[in-house]
Structure formats: structure tokens, C-alpha cells
C-alpha atoms as a PDB file:
ATOM      1  CA  MET A   1       0.000   0.000   0.000  1.00  0.00           C
ATOM      2  CA  VAL A   2       1.348   3.433  -1.012  1.00  0.00           C
ATOM      3  CA  ILE A   3       1.470   5.970   1.820  1.00  0.00           C
ATOM      4  CA  SER A   4      -0.400   9.156   0.932  1.00  0.00           C
ATOM      5  CA  VAL A   5       1.384  12.316   2.050  1.00  0.00           C
ATOM      6  CA  ASN A   6      -1.750  14.300   1.206  1.00  0.00           C
ATOM      7  CA  GLN A   7      -4.035  12.184   3.389  1.00  0.00           C
ATOM      8  CA  HIS A   8      -1.570  12.274   6.295  1.00  0.00           C
ATOM      9  CA  GLY A   9      -0.857  15.944   5.712  1.00  0.00           C
ATOM     10  CA  LEU A  10      -4.573  16.716   5.764  1.00  0.00           C
ATOM     11  CA  ASN A  11      -4.841  15.157   9.225  1.00  0.00           C
ATOM     12  CA  VAL A  12      -2.220  17.615  10.493  1.00  0.00           C
ATOM     13  CA  PHE A  13      -3.890  20.482   8.616  1.00  0.00           C
ATOM     14  CA  LYS A  14      -7.249  19.717  10.285  1.00  0.00           C
ATOM     15  CA  GLU A  15      -5.603  19.423  13.704  1.00  0.00           C
ATOM     16  CA  ALA A  16      -4.117  22.893  13.200  1.00  0.00           C
ATOM     17  CA  ILE A  17      -7.590  24.211  12.354  1.00  0.00           C
ATOM     18  CA  SER A  18      -8.960  22.701  15.570  1.00  0.00           C
ATOM     19  CA  LYS A  19      -6.327  24.702  17.486  1.00  0.00           C
ATOM     20  CA  ALA A  20      -6.637  27.918  15.485  1.00  0.00           C
ATOM     21  CA  ASP A  21      -7.049  30.201  18.513  1.00  0.00           C
ATOM     22  CA  GLU A  22      -4.201  28.533  20.381  1.00  0.00           C
ATOM     23  CA  LEU A  23      -1.888  28.779  17.359  1.00  0.00           C
ATOM     24  CA  GLY A  24      -2.849  32.349  16.469  1.00  0.00           C
ATOM     25  CA  ILE A  25      -3.804  31.444  12.910  1.00  0.00           C
ATOM     26  CA  ASN A  26      -6.675  32.527  10.671  1.00  0.00           C
ATOM     27  CA  VAL A  27      -8.841  30.010   8.822  1.00  0.00           C
ATOM     28  CA  GLU A  28     -11.078  30.924   5.902  1.00  0.00           C
ATOM     29  CA  LYS A  29     -12.840  29.426   2.911  1.00  0.00           C
ATOM     30  CA  ASN A  30     -12.740  31.345  -0.336  1.00  0.00           C
ATOM     31  CA  ASN A  31     -15.703  31.619  -2.680  1.00  0.00           C
ATOM     32  CA  ILE A  32     -14.831  28.389  -4.529  1.00  0.00           C
ATOM     33  CA  GLY A  33     -14.603  26.341  -1.339  1.00  0.00           C
ATOM     34  CA  THR A  34     -10.849  26.116  -0.747  1.00  0.00           C
ATOM     35  CA  THR A  35      -9.724  26.161   2.879  1.00  0.00           C
ATOM     36  CA  ILE A  36      -6.830  28.548   3.519  1.00  0.00           C
ATOM     37  CA  ILE A  37      -4.857  28.791   6.758  1.00  0.00           C
ATOM     38  CA  ASP A  38      -2.973  32.048   7.252  1.00  0.00           C
ATOM     39  CA  MET A  39      -0.087  31.366   9.632  1.00  0.00           C
ATOM     40  CA  GLY A  40       1.726  34.675   9.384  1.00  0.00           C
ATOM     41  CA  VAL A  41       0.539  37.007   6.617  1.00  0.00           C
ATOM     42  CA  GLU A  42      -2.223  38.761   8.575  1.00  0.00           C
ATOM     43  CA  ALA A  43      -2.344  36.232  11.418  1.00  0.00           C
ATOM     44  CA  LYS A  44      -0.138  36.422  14.505  1.00  0.00           C
ATOM     45  CA  GLY A  45       1.227  32.884  14.151  1.00  0.00           C
ATOM     46  CA  GLY A  46       4.325  31.915  16.139  1.00  0.00           C
ATOM     47  CA  PHE A  47       6.584  29.001  17.028  1.00  0.00           C
ATOM     48  CA  LEU A  48       3.717  26.546  17.428  1.00  0.00           C
ATOM     49  CA  ALA A  49       2.154  27.556  14.122  1.00  0.00           C
ATOM     50  CA  GLY A  50       5.590  27.063  12.532  1.00  0.00           C
ATOM     51  CA  LYS A  51       5.815  23.585  14.020  1.00  0.00           C
ATOM     52  CA  TYR A  52       2.469  22.649  12.457  1.00  0.00           C
ATOM     53  CA  LEU A  53       3.532  24.227   9.176  1.00  0.00           C
ATOM     54  CA  THR A  54       6.657  22.042   9.233  1.00  0.00           C
ATOM     55  CA  ASP A  55       4.600  18.917   9.872  1.00  0.00           C
ATOM     56  CA  ILE A  56       2.153  19.792   7.079  1.00  0.00           C
ATOM     57  CA  CYS A  57       5.065  20.312   4.675  1.00  0.00           C
ATOM     58  CA  MET A  58       6.323  16.813   5.489  1.00  0.00           C
ATOM     59  CA  GLY A  59       2.952  15.206   4.911  1.00  0.00           C
ATOM     60  CA  GLY A  60       2.621  14.276   8.571  1.00  0.00           C
ATOM     61  CA  LEU A  61       5.381  11.642   8.246  1.00  0.00           C
ATOM     62  CA  CYS A  62       7.602  13.205  10.878  1.00  0.00           C
ATOM     63  CA  ASN A  63       8.073  14.369  14.419  1.00  0.00           C
ATOM     64  CA  SER A  64       9.172  17.943  15.092  1.00  0.00           C
ATOM     65  CA  GLU A  65      10.132  19.488  18.414  1.00  0.00           C
ATOM     66  CA  LEU A  66      10.924  23.057  19.469  1.00  0.00           C
ATOM     67  CA  ASP A  67      13.925  23.740  21.691  1.00  0.00           C
ATOM     68  CA  ILE A  68      16.728  26.235  22.309  1.00  0.00           C
ATOM     69  CA  GLN A  69      20.469  26.034  21.704  1.00  0.00           C
ATOM     70  CA  ASN A  70      23.547  28.064  22.576  1.00  0.00           C
ATOM     71  CA  ILE A  71      25.231  30.007  19.772  1.00  0.00           C
ATOM     72  CA  GLY A  72      28.286  31.719  21.169  1.00  0.00           C
ATOM     73  CA  ASP A  73      27.184  33.906  24.078  1.00  0.00           C
ATOM     74  CA  ILE A  74      23.476  33.842  23.240  1.00  0.00           C
ATOM     75  CA  VAL A  75      20.574  31.427  23.080  1.00  0.00           C
ATOM     76  CA  LEU A  76      18.486  30.945  19.935  1.00  0.00           C
ATOM     77  CA  PRO A  77      15.302  28.954  19.430  1.00  0.00           C
ATOM     78  CA  SER A  78      15.707  25.771  17.413  1.00  0.00           C
ATOM     79  CA  ILE A  79      13.663  23.033  15.790  1.00  0.00           C
ATOM     80  CA  GLY A  80      14.478  19.348  15.548  1.00  0.00           C
ATOM     81  CA  VAL A  81      12.870  17.114  12.924  1.00  0.00           C
ATOM     82  CA  ALA A  82      12.884  13.322  12.514  1.00  0.00           C
ATOM     83  CA  THR A  83      11.355  11.026   9.901  1.00  0.00           C
ATOM     84  CA  ASP A  84      11.304   7.298   9.184  1.00  0.00           C
ATOM     85  CA  TYR A  85      10.210   8.007   5.580  1.00  0.00           C
ATOM     86  CA  PRO A  86      12.947  10.363   4.355  1.00  0.00           C
ATOM     87  CA  ALA A  87      12.606  10.046   0.580  1.00  0.00           C
ATOM     88  CA  ILE A  88       8.828  10.516   0.617  1.00  0.00           C
ATOM     89  CA  ALA A  89       8.471  13.018   3.471  1.00  0.00           C
ATOM     90  CA  LEU A  90      11.465  15.167   2.527  1.00  0.00           C
ATOM     91  CA  LEU A  91      11.949  15.055  -1.241  1.00  0.00           C
ATOM     92  CA  GLY A  92       8.440  13.863  -2.098  1.00  0.00           C
ATOM     93  CA  SER A  93       6.657  16.419   0.070  1.00  0.00           C
ATOM     94  CA  GLN A  94       8.658  19.064   1.960  1.00  0.00           C
ATOM     95  CA  PHE A  95      11.053  20.129  -0.806  1.00  0.00           C
ATOM     96  CA  ALA A  96      10.117  23.563  -2.188  1.00  0.00           C
ATOM     97  CA  GLY A  97      10.106  22.363  -5.773  1.00  0.00           C
ATOM     98  CA  TRP A  98       7.071  24.036  -7.337  1.00  0.00           C
ATOM     99  CA  SER A  99       7.393  27.596  -8.657  1.00  0.00           C
ATOM    100  CA  ILE A 100       3.819  28.856  -8.880  1.00  0.00           C
ATOM    101  CA  SER A 101       3.425  31.866 -11.153  1.00  0.00           C
ATOM    102  CA  VAL A 102      -0.060  32.981 -12.167  1.00  0.00           C
ATOM    103  CA  GLU A 103      -0.639  36.454 -13.601  1.00  0.00           C
ATOM    104  CA  LYS A 104       1.272  38.740 -11.190  1.00  0.00           C
ATOM    105  CA  TYR A 105       1.263  36.244  -8.322  1.00  0.00           C
ATOM    106  CA  PHE A 106       4.349  34.192  -7.418  1.00  0.00           C
ATOM    107  CA  ALA A 107       5.041  31.776  -4.584  1.00  0.00           C
ATOM    108  CA  MET A 108       7.195  28.747  -3.933  1.00  0.00           C
ATOM    109  CA  GLY A 109       5.015  25.717  -3.347  1.00  0.00           C
ATOM    110  CA  SER A 110       5.974  22.860  -1.080  1.00  0.00           C
ATOM    111  CA  GLY A 111       4.171  20.094   0.724  1.00  0.00           C
ATOM    112  CA  PRO A 112       2.080  17.059  -0.245  1.00  0.00           C
ATOM    113  CA  ALA A 113       0.324  18.506  -3.324  1.00  0.00           C
ATOM    114  CA  ARG A 114       3.613  18.334  -5.214  1.00  0.00           C
ATOM    115  CA  ALA A 115       3.397  14.541  -5.060  1.00  0.00           C
ATOM    116  CA  ILE A 116       0.192  14.650  -7.118  1.00  0.00           C
ATOM    117  CA  ALA A 117       1.343  17.268  -9.630  1.00  0.00           C
ATOM    118  CA  ARG A 118       4.848  15.695  -9.630  1.00  0.00           C
ATOM    119  CA  LYS A 119       6.771  18.954  -9.392  1.00  0.00           C
ATOM    120  CA  PRO A 120       9.535  18.409 -10.410  1.00  0.00           C
ATOM    121  CA  LYS A 121       8.922  15.180 -12.325  1.00  0.00           C
ATOM    122  CA  GLU A 122      12.576  14.069 -12.360  1.00  0.00           C
ATOM    123  CA  LEU A 123      12.741  14.037  -8.563  1.00  0.00           C
ATOM    124  CA  TYR A 124       9.660  11.817  -8.279  1.00  0.00           C
ATOM    125  CA  GLU A 125      11.130   9.426 -10.814  1.00  0.00           C
ATOM    126  CA  LYS A 126      14.281   9.287  -8.688  1.00  0.00           C
ATOM    127  CA  ILE A 127      12.370   8.336  -5.517  1.00  0.00           C
ATOM    128  CA  ALA A 128       9.782   6.240  -7.424  1.00  0.00           C
ATOM    129  CA  TYR A 129       6.789   7.900  -5.761  1.00  0.00           C
ATOM    130  CA  GLN A 130       3.496   9.494  -6.734  1.00  0.00           C
ATOM    131  CA  ASP A 131       0.445  10.241  -4.610  1.00  0.00           C
ATOM    132  CA  LYS A 132      -2.948   9.705  -6.246  1.00  0.00           C
ATOM    133  CA  SER A 133      -4.972  11.332  -3.460  1.00  0.00           C
ATOM    134  CA  ASP A 134      -8.342  12.977  -4.148  1.00  0.00           C
ATOM    135  CA  VAL A 135      -7.409  15.802  -1.741  1.00  0.00           C
ATOM    136  CA  ALA A 136      -4.375  18.073  -2.055  1.00  0.00           C
ATOM    137  CA  VAL A 137      -2.469  19.997   0.631  1.00  0.00           C
ATOM    138  CA  ILE A 138       0.025  22.718  -0.260  1.00  0.00           C
ATOM    139  CA  VAL A 139       2.180  25.232   1.605  1.00  0.00           C
ATOM    140  CA  LEU A 140       2.947  28.582  -0.047  1.00  0.00           C
ATOM    141  CA  GLU A 141       5.835  30.758   1.083  1.00  0.00           C
ATOM    142  CA  THR A 142       4.285  34.151   0.392  1.00  0.00           C
ATOM    143  CA  ASP A 143       3.240  37.425   1.974  1.00  0.00           C
ATOM    144  CA  VAL A 144       0.068  37.646  -0.132  1.00  0.00           C
ATOM    145  CA  SER A 145      -2.958  35.372   0.035  1.00  0.00           C
ATOM    146  CA  PRO A 146      -3.500  33.481  -3.249  1.00  0.00           C
ATOM    147  CA  THR A 147      -6.231  34.674  -5.603  1.00  0.00           C
ATOM    148  CA  VAL A 148      -9.027  32.458  -6.888  1.00  0.00           C
ATOM    149  CA  ASN A 149      -7.151  32.098 -10.188  1.00  0.00           C
ATOM    150  CA  VAL A 150      -4.060  30.862  -8.341  1.00  0.00           C
ATOM    151  CA  ILE A 151      -6.140  28.372  -6.369  1.00  0.00           C
ATOM    152  CA  GLN A 152      -7.836  27.127  -9.530  1.00  0.00           C
ATOM    153  CA  PHE A 153      -4.440  26.717 -11.220  1.00  0.00           C
ATOM    154  CA  ILE A 154      -3.118  24.569  -8.346  1.00  0.00           C
ATOM    155  CA  ALA A 155      -6.321  22.523  -8.166  1.00  0.00           C
ATOM    156  CA  ASP A 156      -6.207  21.867 -11.916  1.00  0.00           C
ATOM    157  CA  LYS A 157      -2.583  20.710 -11.763  1.00  0.00           C
ATOM    158  CA  CYS A 158      -3.492  18.351  -8.911  1.00  0.00           C
ATOM    159  CA  LYS A 159      -6.708  17.221 -10.649  1.00  0.00           C
ATOM    160  CA  VAL A 160      -8.823  17.959  -7.563  1.00  0.00           C
ATOM    161  CA  ASP A 161     -11.889  20.086  -6.998  1.00  0.00           C
ATOM    162  CA  PRO A 162     -10.981  23.460  -5.381  1.00  0.00           C
ATOM    163  CA  LYS A 163     -13.053  22.444  -2.345  1.00  0.00           C
ATOM    164  CA  ASP A 164     -10.650  19.515  -1.870  1.00  0.00           C
ATOM    165  CA  LEU A 165      -7.595  21.778  -1.911  1.00  0.00           C
ATOM    166  CA  TYR A 166      -6.103  22.896   1.415  1.00  0.00           C
ATOM    167  CA  VAL A 167      -3.611  25.771   1.489  1.00  0.00           C
ATOM    168  CA  ALA A 168      -1.338  27.026   4.266  1.00  0.00           C
ATOM    169  CA  ILE A 169       0.490  30.340   3.824  1.00  0.00           C
ATOM    170  CA  ALA A 170       3.255  32.193   5.685  1.00  0.00           C
ATOM    171  CA  PRO A 171       5.965  34.682   4.682  1.00  0.00           C
ATOM    172  CA  THR A 172       9.671  34.222   5.436  1.00  0.00           C
ATOM    173  CA  SER A 173       9.582  37.310   7.652  1.00  0.00           C
ATOM    174  CA  SER A 174       7.042  35.758  10.044  1.00  0.00           C
ATOM    175  CA  LEU A 175       7.900  33.616  13.058  1.00  0.00           C
ATOM    176  CA  ALA A 176       5.948  30.664  11.659  1.00  0.00           C
ATOM    177  CA  GLY A 177       7.727  31.094   8.320  1.00  0.00           C
ATOM    178  CA  SER A 178      11.157  31.299   9.924  1.00  0.00           C
ATOM    179  CA  THR A 179      10.422  28.218  12.033  1.00  0.00           C
ATOM    180  CA  GLN A 180       9.321  26.072   9.103  1.00  0.00           C
ATOM    181  CA  ILE A 181      12.365  27.070   7.042  1.00  0.00           C
ATOM    182  CA  SER A 182      14.705  25.822   9.774  1.00  0.00           C
ATOM    183  CA  GLY A 183      12.439  22.768   9.905  1.00  0.00           C
ATOM    184  CA  ARG A 184      13.687  21.950   6.380  1.00  0.00           C
ATOM    185  CA  ILE A 185      17.130  21.079   7.720  1.00  0.00           C
ATOM    186  CA  VAL A 186      16.847  17.311   7.109  1.00  0.00           C
ATOM    187  CA  GLU A 187      15.278  17.811   3.685  1.00  0.00           C
ATOM    188  CA  LEU A 188      18.137  20.070   2.641  1.00  0.00           C
ATOM    189  CA  GLY A 189      20.611  17.462   3.836  1.00  0.00           C
ATOM    190  CA  LEU A 190      18.979  14.660   1.880  1.00  0.00           C
ATOM    191  CA  HIS A 191      18.645  16.802  -1.231  1.00  0.00           C
ATOM    192  CA  LYS A 192      22.357  17.694  -1.122  1.00  0.00           C
ATOM    193  CA  LEU A 193      23.329  14.052  -0.538  1.00  0.00           C
ATOM    194  CA  THR A 194      21.221  13.147  -3.563  1.00  0.00           C
ATOM    195  CA  GLU A 195      22.889  15.847  -5.654  1.00  0.00           C
ATOM    196  CA  SER A 196      26.245  14.514  -4.463  1.00  0.00           C
ATOM    197  CA  GLY A 197      25.435  11.058  -5.848  1.00  0.00           C
ATOM    198  CA  LEU A 198      23.514   9.155  -3.178  1.00  0.00           C
ATOM    199  CA  ASP A 199      20.398   7.185  -4.116  1.00  0.00           C
ATOM    200  CA  PRO A 200      17.702   8.653  -1.789  1.00  0.00           C
ATOM    201  CA  LYS A 201      15.832   5.348  -1.753  1.00  0.00           C
ATOM    202  CA  ILE A 202      18.607   3.751   0.345  1.00  0.00           C
ATOM    203  CA  VAL A 203      18.206   6.400   3.071  1.00  0.00           C
ATOM    204  CA  LYS A 204      16.051   4.781   5.744  1.00  0.00           C
ATOM    205  CA  TYR A 205      15.919   7.308   8.596  1.00  0.00           C
ATOM    206  CA  GLY A 206      16.782  10.966   9.059  1.00  0.00           C
ATOM    207  CA  ILE A 207      16.976  13.453  11.910  1.00  0.00           C
ATOM    208  CA  GLY A 208      18.342  16.967  12.267  1.00  0.00           C
ATOM    209  CA  GLU A 209      18.245  20.300  14.060  1.00  0.00           C
ATOM    210  CA  ALA A 210      18.775  23.955  13.168  1.00  0.00           C
ATOM    211  CA  PRO A 211      18.491  27.282  14.976  1.00  0.00           C
ATOM    212  CA  ILE A 212      15.451  29.403  14.145  1.00  0.00           C
ATOM    213  CA  ALA A 213      16.325  32.829  12.766  1.00  0.00           C
ATOM    214  CA  PRO A 214      15.294  35.888  14.782  1.00  0.00           C
ATOM    215  CA  ILE A 215      12.685  37.803  12.787  1.00  0.00           C
ATOM    216  CA  HIS A 216      13.721  40.690  10.548  1.00  0.00           C
ATOM    217  CA  PRO A 217      10.992  42.903   9.016  1.00  0.00           C
ATOM    218  CA  LYS A 218      12.725  43.190   5.626  1.00  0.00           C
ATOM    219  CA  SER A 219      12.120  40.120   3.459  1.00  0.00           C
ATOM    220  CA  THR A 220      15.622  39.941   1.927  1.00  0.00           C
ATOM    221  CA  LYS A 221      17.260  40.251   5.354  1.00  0.00           C
ATOM    222  CA  ALA A 222      14.867  37.623   6.730  1.00  0.00           C
ATOM    223  CA  MET A 223      15.722  35.309   3.847  1.00  0.00           C
ATOM    224  CA  GLY A 224      19.416  35.790   4.543  1.00  0.00           C
ATOM    225  CA  ARG A 225      19.054  34.924   8.209  1.00  0.00           C
ATOM    226  CA  THR A 226      16.874  31.862   7.621  1.00  0.00           C
ATOM    227  CA  ASN A 227      19.376  30.460   5.111  1.00  0.00           C
ATOM    228  CA  ASP A 228      22.290  31.056   7.481  1.00  0.00           C
ATOM    229  CA  MET A 229      20.631  29.071  10.269  1.00  0.00           C
ATOM    230  CA  ILE A 230      20.848  25.968   8.082  1.00  0.00           C
ATOM    231  CA  LEU A 231      24.079  26.650   6.164  1.00  0.00           C
ATOM    232  CA  TYR A 232      26.129  27.594   9.218  1.00  0.00           C
ATOM    233  CA  GLY A 233      24.171  26.099  12.137  1.00  0.00           C
ATOM    234  CA  GLY A 234      22.221  23.076  10.873  1.00  0.00           C
ATOM    235  CA  ARG A 235      23.195  19.473  11.548  1.00  0.00           C
ATOM    236  CA  VAL A 236      21.738  16.238  10.210  1.00  0.00           C
ATOM    237  CA  TYR A 237      22.119  12.497  10.745  1.00  0.00           C
ATOM    238  CA  PHE A 238      21.012   9.691   8.423  1.00  0.00           C
ATOM    239  CA  GLU A 239      20.866   5.901   8.523  1.00  0.00           C
ATOM    240  CA  VAL A 240      21.488   4.431   5.069  1.00  0.00           C
ATOM    241  CA  GLU A 241      22.046   1.036   3.441  1.00  0.00           C
ATOM    242  CA  HIS A 242      25.097   1.366   1.184  1.00  0.00           C
ATOM    243  CA  ASP A 243      27.267  -1.359  -0.337  1.00  0.00           C
ATOM    244  CA  ASN A 244      30.559   0.547  -0.225  1.00  0.00           C
ATOM    245  CA  ASP A 245      31.830   2.562   2.731  1.00  0.00           C
ATOM    246  CA  GLU A 246      34.516   4.337   0.717  1.00  0.00           C
ATOM    247  CA  ASP A 247      32.055   5.521  -1.910  1.00  0.00           C
ATOM    248  CA  LEU A 248      29.672   6.630   0.827  1.00  0.00           C
ATOM    249  CA  LYS A 249      32.462   8.548   2.552  1.00  0.00           C
ATOM    250  CA  LYS A 250      33.295  10.414  -0.676  1.00  0.00           C
ATOM    251  CA  ILE A 251      29.643  11.437  -1.066  1.00  0.00           C
ATOM    252  CA  VAL A 252      29.330  12.640   2.548  1.00  0.00           C
ATOM    253  CA  LYS A 253      32.555  14.660   2.342  1.00  0.00           C
ATOM    254  CA  LYS A 254      31.119  16.611  -0.633  1.00  0.00           C
ATOM    255  CA  THR A 255      27.849  17.391   1.119  1.00  0.00           C
ATOM    256  CA  PRO A 256      28.228  20.101   3.832  1.00  0.00           C
ATOM    257  CA  SER A 257      27.918  23.795   2.994  1.00  0.00           C
ATOM    258  CA  SER A 258      31.599  24.370   3.846  1.00  0.00           C
ATOM    259  CA  GLU A 259      32.548  22.531   0.624  1.00  0.00           C
ATOM    260  CA  SER A 260      30.993  25.322  -1.481  1.00  0.00           C
ATOM    261  CA  LYS A 261      33.115  28.010  -3.129  1.00  0.00           C
ATOM    262  CA  SER A 262      30.512  30.537  -1.893  1.00  0.00           C
ATOM    263  CA  TYR A 263      30.953  29.533   1.765  1.00  0.00           C
ATOM    264  CA  GLY A 264      32.203  32.033   4.302  1.00  0.00           C
ATOM    265  CA  GLU A 265      29.899  35.056   4.458  1.00  0.00           C
ATOM    266  CA  PRO A 266      26.327  35.636   5.664  1.00  0.00           C
ATOM    267  CA  PHE A 267      23.885  34.693   2.936  1.00  0.00           C
ATOM    268  CA  TYR A 268      22.449  38.203   2.642  1.00  0.00           C
ATOM    269  CA  ASP A 269      25.920  39.581   1.822  1.00  0.00           C
ATOM    270  CA  LEU A 270      26.460  36.871  -0.805  1.00  0.00           C
ATOM    271  CA  PHE A 271      23.009  37.490  -2.264  1.00  0.00           C
ATOM    272  CA  LYS A 272      23.568  41.258  -2.439  1.00  0.00           C
ATOM    273  CA  ALA A 273      26.989  40.815  -4.069  1.00  0.00           C
ATOM    274  CA  ALA A 274      25.311  38.572  -6.663  1.00  0.00           C
ATOM    275  CA  GLY A 275      22.848  41.335  -7.541  1.00  0.00           C
ATOM    276  CA  PHE A 276      20.108  39.425  -5.697  1.00  0.00           C
ATOM    277  CA  ASP A 277      20.336  36.736  -8.380  1.00  0.00           C
ATOM    278  CA  PHE A 278      20.094  33.206  -6.908  1.00  0.00           C
ATOM    279  CA  TYR A 279      21.624  31.712 -10.043  1.00  0.00           C
ATOM    280  CA  LYS A 280      24.926  33.491  -9.381  1.00  0.00           C
ATOM    281  CA  ILE A 281      25.325  31.703  -6.042  1.00  0.00           C
ATOM    282  CA  ASP A 282      26.901  28.259  -6.018  1.00  0.00           C
ATOM    283  CA  PRO A 283      24.007  25.768  -5.519  1.00  0.00           C
ATOM    284  CA  GLY A 284      26.424  23.626  -3.492  1.00  0.00           C
ATOM    285  CA  LEU A 285      26.128  26.148  -0.654  1.00  0.00           C
ATOM    286  CA  PHE A 286      22.570  25.059   0.106  1.00  0.00           C
ATOM    287  CA  ALA A 287      23.383  22.313   2.571  1.00  0.00           C
ATOM    288  CA  PRO A 288      23.601  21.727   6.318  1.00  0.00           C
ATOM    289  CA  ALA A 289      26.694  22.734   8.257  1.00  0.00           C
ATOM    290  CA  ILE A 290      27.300  19.183   9.513  1.00  0.00           C
ATOM    291  CA  VAL A 291      26.305  15.891   7.866  1.00  0.00           C
ATOM    292  CA  THR A 292      26.698  12.524   9.619  1.00  0.00           C
ATOM    293  CA  VAL A 293      25.779   9.190   8.050  1.00  0.00           C
ATOM    294  CA  ASN A 294      25.746   5.680   9.499  1.00  0.00           C
ATOM    295  CA  ASN A 295      25.874   2.729   7.114  1.00  0.00           C
ATOM    296  CA  LEU A 296      23.386   0.141   8.363  1.00  0.00           C
ATOM    297  CA  LYS A 297      25.184  -2.581   6.390  1.00  0.00           C
ATOM    298  CA  THR A 298      28.542  -2.099   8.110  1.00  0.00           C
ATOM    299  CA  GLY A 299      27.938   0.126  11.130  1.00  0.00           C
ATOM    300  CA  LYS A 300      30.563   2.601   9.910  1.00  0.00           C
ATOM    301  CA  ILE A 301      29.921   6.287  10.620  1.00  0.00           C
ATOM    302  CA  THR A 302      31.093   9.121   8.371  1.00  0.00           C
ATOM    303  CA  THR A 303      30.800  12.823   9.137  1.00  0.00           C
ATOM    304  CA  ALA A 304      31.784  16.104   7.512  1.00  0.00           C
ATOM    305  CA  GLY A 305      31.371  19.832   8.073  1.00  0.00           C
ATOM    306  CA  LYS A 306      31.377  22.260  10.993  1.00  0.00           C
ATOM    307  CA  ILE A 307      29.170  24.733  12.851  1.00  0.00           C
ATOM    308  CA  ASN A 308      30.217  28.352  12.214  1.00  0.00           C
ATOM    309  CA  GLU A 309      29.069  30.418  15.203  1.00  0.00           C
ATOM    310  CA  GLU A 310      30.952  33.507  14.043  1.00  0.00           C
ATOM    311  CA  ILE A 311      28.917  33.828  10.853  1.00  0.00           C
ATOM    312  CA  LEU A 312      25.667  32.965  12.638  1.00  0.00           C
ATOM    313  CA  LEU A 313      26.202  35.821  15.087  1.00  0.00           C
ATOM    314  CA  LYS A 314      27.224  38.158  12.263  1.00  0.00           C
ATOM    315  CA  SER A 315      24.114  37.188  10.341  1.00  0.00           C
ATOM    316  CA  ILE A 316      21.760  38.262  13.110  1.00  0.00           C
ATOM    317  CA  GLY A 317      23.731  41.425  13.905  1.00  0.00           C
ATOM    318  CA  TYR A 318      24.879  40.372  17.362  1.00  0.00           C
ATOM    319  CA  VAL A 319      27.954  42.308  18.497  1.00  0.00           C
ATOM    320  CA  GLY A 320      28.193  41.225  22.130  1.00  0.00           C
END
């Protein structure tokens, strides 16, 4: 039986609705019947809303916990995420792989609905997964609520009625948005391992943690901080089944952010120097700070990377 990330994700979505007042979120239905949860555009949101947003993104196939961790002389909030279904929950659901552009509206789409629309198709072929659910759940990173035309576009791509589409929204510059971005730490690790040559289907378990960026009101600054939490402060651990320890070691050594030629400055500074053009930044930078892998077939552990507290503190403007 194929596990449905949309069905599991919908359970989390409905639980969030049942706690709307507690989470500080707004729930509405538009005029074509789509349920939309605002977790940080107009709504107050917060850490708990961000935790639910993380769980929705992963199709409910995870456990996430909020905590705090020391970075230099200060304490920052953090989020830890674990999954026993890494390929499906991370690449098949959480990965922000759907660029949604309708008229003048743009948002990055992540979450279970991607597994129906198969965005991007090549990734779903790599993990050999597709969800055929009759309901679709999507998360949009945006500071504007989607129009009816946007909703209809998503519903059409997922081949569901708009009333069976469930949408959660939050901007990067909200606390819920910042929390869920750090909650992508394990997904980013698996994606980079995959790009480095690892078959994601042999990854059996994954867990990780990253600091949560303090909120900045400017979206580009907020984006810089949220990226830095993962690139310079995130750490992940995977259990895999690999036939060759030496080959596995070579893959792991290529994976952390410190292997990138763009490594070494806060992301906002790199982004600004690149003329705010993502394509001028080395894609190899988008990885956790530390990656550790245990080979279930041999019991051998390989690790690579380092936490960079200096850049983390520089990123958030802390001067002591």
C-alpha cells in the first residue's frame, strides 16, 4: 500500500484548524470552497504555528520538536525534525520544488500537493513515488494570500476540486515562516546528498536540528538569516544502506555547505553581491553545516562539516 502524504498531511492540517485560537492562525474558505490557513501574513502565528507548518510540509510523516540552543554567548530557538520516511516526506513532500506563477502572483510551493502534480517530475522518478490522493495539501511561502485564479491553477494541476484543496500560507519574515524554514534542515541534507550522488531510496531514517532565525521585518534580510541558520548552524544524521563505505564517505565529504566556493559570508551579503540573483550563487552552498551518516550494512559512521558560530552571530547582527 502506497502511503499518501496528502491524506496524512490533511490530518495535520485539520488538527491545526482545531487549534486555530491557540496557534494564532486565521482560517477561511474562499468563494470556490478552498480552505486557507494564514499562519503569518495577517495572522499572529508563532513558534507553534511554525511547528504545524513544518509537519504539514512533510505530509505528517515526521516528528518535530521546538527547543533552544547556545550560539556563542546567546541562546536561539531551534527546531528538531525526525522522519522514518525520508525520501517521501522530505523530497516527495517538503522540498520547495514548485514555482507557482499565475498572472502577477508568485510563490514557492511545497508540501504534499507536489506529489500529485509531480513537481519536479525528475525528482519523483528518482524516488519512485506518486500520490494519487483525491485531496491536495500545499504550503505557499508568500506574503500575499493566493487569488481564486491561483487556487484554480493549483487545483487543476493536482486534478482535484478546489473544495478539496487545502492551502497554508506564511511569509519568510514571520515567526511561523522562519520556524518552518529551519524545519527543512533534514530535507536540505537529503537533497544535497542526492545531488552529491547518493540514491535517496537507500536512506532509511533521518533526523536533524537547526536554529530558528530571529525575525527581521525586511524580506531579503529575513531570507538571509533563515538560510544562514541551516548553512552555518544546521546538523543532520542519516541511517542508510550502502554497499561501499569508501564511496559513501566520498559522497558525505562533498555534502556540507563548507565545501561550497561561496561559503564564508552571511547569505544576505552573498546574495547582495550577486545582484540578488540566486543563479549566481553556487548551488552547493545550500546544505547543512554538519552531515553525519551511518551505514546500516557495516555500522561505519562518516561525518563532515562544521558549525560556524561567528557567521551565525554576524548574520543576526549580534555584536556582544
